[in-house]
C-alpha atoms as a PDB file:
ATOM      1  CA  UNK A   1      15.841  79.270  43.666  1.00  0.00           C
ATOM      2  CA  UNK A   2      13.645  82.492  43.209  1.00  0.00           C
ATOM      3  CA  UNK A   3      12.564  85.442  45.144  1.00  0.00           C
ATOM      4  CA  UNK A   4       9.942  82.878  46.901  1.00  0.00           C
ATOM      5  CA  UNK A   5      11.919  80.361  47.460  1.00  0.00           C
ATOM      6  CA  UNK A   6      14.653  83.244  49.662  1.00  0.00           C
ATOM      7  CA  UNK A   7      11.193  84.905  50.997  1.00  0.00           C
ATOM      8  CA  UNK A   8      10.039  80.928  52.455  1.00  0.00           C
ATOM      9  CA  UNK A   9      13.286  80.187  53.928  1.00  0.00           C
ATOM     10  CA  UNK A  10      13.827  83.430  55.359  1.00  0.00           C
ATOM     11  CA  UNK A  11      10.201  83.411  56.968  1.00  0.00           C
ATOM     12  CA  UNK A  12      11.117  80.645  58.594  1.00  0.00           C
ATOM     13  CA  UNK A  13      14.232  81.813  59.964  1.00  0.00           C
ATOM     14  CA  UNK A  14      12.691  83.901  61.223  1.00  0.00           C
ATOM     15  CA  UNK A  15      10.500  82.244  63.542  1.00  0.00           C
ATOM     16  CA  UNK A  16      12.771  80.199  64.761  1.00  0.00           C
ATOM     17  CA  UNK A  17      14.665  83.074  65.898  1.00  0.00           C
ATOM     18  CA  UNK A  18      11.833  84.363  67.561  1.00  0.00           C
ATOM     19  CA  UNK A  19      11.394  81.117  69.303  1.00  0.00           C
ATOM     20  CA  UNK A  20      14.975  81.094  70.771  1.00  0.00           C
ATOM     21  CA  UNK A  21      14.226  84.898  71.306  1.00  0.00           C
ATOM     22  CA  UNK A  22      11.321  83.781  73.659  1.00  0.00           C
ATOM     23  CA  UNK A  23      12.476  81.081  75.048  1.00  0.00           C
ATOM     24  CA  UNK A  24      12.500  81.106  78.590  1.00  0.00           C
ATOM     25  CA  UNK A  25      16.228  79.427  77.725  1.00  0.00           C
ATOM     26  CA  UNK A  26      19.425  81.985  80.150  1.00  0.00           C
ATOM     27  CA  UNK A  27      20.722  84.849  78.425  1.00  0.00           C
ATOM     28  CA  UNK A  28      23.911  83.003  76.883  1.00  0.00           C
ATOM     29  CA  UNK A  29      21.617  80.184  75.909  1.00  0.00           C
ATOM     30  CA  UNK A  30      19.717  82.625  73.849  1.00  0.00           C
ATOM     31  CA  UNK A  31      22.188  84.798  72.613  1.00  0.00           C
ATOM     32  CA  UNK A  32      24.788  81.241  71.302  1.00  0.00           C
ATOM     33  CA  UNK A  33      21.479  80.220  70.127  1.00  0.00           C
ATOM     34  CA  UNK A  34      20.507  83.524  67.432  1.00  0.00           C
ATOM     35  CA  UNK A  35      24.552  83.297  67.496  1.00  0.00           C
ATOM     36  CA  UNK A  36      24.060  80.224  65.362  1.00  0.00           C
ATOM     37  CA  UNK A  37      21.533  81.605  63.851  1.00  0.00           C
ATOM     38  CA  UNK A  38      22.878  84.484  62.287  1.00  0.00           C
ATOM     39  CA  UNK A  39      25.651  82.285  60.722  1.00  0.00           C
ATOM     40  CA  UNK A  40      23.799  80.072  59.103  1.00  0.00           C
ATOM     41  CA  UNK A  41      22.094  82.894  57.395  1.00  0.00           C
ATOM     42  CA  UNK A  42      25.790  84.288  56.345  1.00  0.00           C
ATOM     43  CA  UNK A  43      26.142  80.629  55.306  1.00  0.00           C
ATOM     44  CA  UNK A  44      22.393  81.084  53.834  1.00  0.00           C
ATOM     45  CA  UNK A  45      23.661  84.585  52.026  1.00  0.00           C
ATOM     46  CA  UNK A  46      26.731  83.617  50.600  1.00  0.00           C
ATOM     47  CA  UNK A  47      24.951  80.384  48.951  1.00  0.00           C
ATOM     48  CA  UNK A  48      22.020  82.682  47.121  1.00  0.00           C
ATOM     49  CA  UNK A  49      24.244  84.106  45.811  1.00  0.00           C
ATOM     50  CA  UNK A  50      25.323  81.749  43.722  1.00  0.00           C
ATOM     51  CA  UNK A  51      22.259  80.651  42.378  1.00  0.00           C
ATOM     52  CA  UNK A  52      20.612  83.600  41.540  1.00  0.00           C
ATOM     53  CA  UNK A  53      22.513  86.478  40.170  1.00  0.00           C
ATOM     54  CA  UNK A  54      19.671  88.871  41.578  1.00  0.00           C
ATOM     55  CA  UNK A  55      19.646  87.704  44.978  1.00  0.00           C
ATOM     56  CA  UNK A  56      19.545  90.903  47.733  1.00  0.00           C
ATOM     57  CA  UNK A  57      21.566  89.793  50.675  1.00  0.00           C
ATOM     58  CA  UNK A  58      20.670  92.657  52.942  1.00  0.00           C
ATOM     59  CA  UNK A  59      17.085  92.545  52.072  1.00  0.00           C
ATOM     60  CA  UNK A  60      17.413  88.881  52.948  1.00  0.00           C
ATOM     61  CA  UNK A  61      19.534  89.367  56.135  1.00  0.00           C
ATOM     62  CA  UNK A  62      16.719  91.805  57.035  1.00  0.00           C
ATOM     63  CA  UNK A  63      14.056  89.770  56.557  1.00  0.00           C
ATOM     64  CA  UNK A  64      15.550  87.013  59.268  1.00  0.00           C
ATOM     65  CA  UNK A  65      15.637  89.505  61.829  1.00  0.00           C
ATOM     66  CA  UNK A  66      18.055  87.257  63.501  1.00  0.00           C
ATOM     67  CA  UNK A  67      20.560  90.271  63.769  1.00  0.00           C
ATOM     68  CA  UNK A  68      17.777  92.290  65.404  1.00  0.00           C
ATOM     69  CA  UNK A  69      16.815  89.724  67.668  1.00  0.00           C
ATOM     70  CA  UNK A  70      20.071  89.019  68.347  1.00  0.00           C
ATOM     71  CA  UNK A  71      21.360  93.446  69.467  1.00  0.00           C
ATOM     72  CA  UNK A  72      17.672  93.436  71.281  1.00  0.00           C
ATOM     73  CA  UNK A  73      19.047  91.264  73.656  1.00  0.00           C
ATOM     74  CA  UNK A  74      22.307  92.244  74.497  1.00  0.00           C
ATOM     75  CA  UNK A  75      20.688  95.610  74.768  1.00  0.00           C
ATOM     76  CA  UNK A  76      18.822  94.639  77.247  1.00  0.00           C
ATOM     77  CA  UNK A  77      21.124  92.702  78.719  1.00  0.00           C
ATOM     78  CA  UNK A  78      23.641  95.153  78.955  1.00  0.00           C
ATOM     79  CA  UNK A  79      20.881  97.873  80.346  1.00  0.00           C
ATOM     80  CA  UNK A  80      20.536  95.268  83.347  1.00  0.00           C
ATOM     81  CA  UNK A  81      23.905  95.333  84.478  1.00  0.00           C
ATOM     82  CA  UNK A  82      24.182  98.505  83.830  1.00  0.00           C
ATOM     83  CA  UNK A  83      21.567  99.420  86.091  1.00  0.00           C
ATOM     84  CA  UNK A  84      22.378  96.758  88.953  1.00  0.00           C
ATOM     85  CA  UNK A  85      19.595  94.118  88.069  1.00  0.00           C
END
């Protein structure tokens, strides 16, 4: 697999993560959806590392954007809890 393949897969995962994050679902449903995607990303990192010695896991994880959206969702939830909303 090449960089082009990794970039396309990361873009697809990022798109799916944005859909989950932006949905009208409950916090728990969004959180579980993003957690599932995060696990998928980790599984892909393990597999892709076997296919290409130049594969950069950190770049791929960042490009997928799942962890960033999950953290943002958790931060919003924590802020709402702290403010009594």
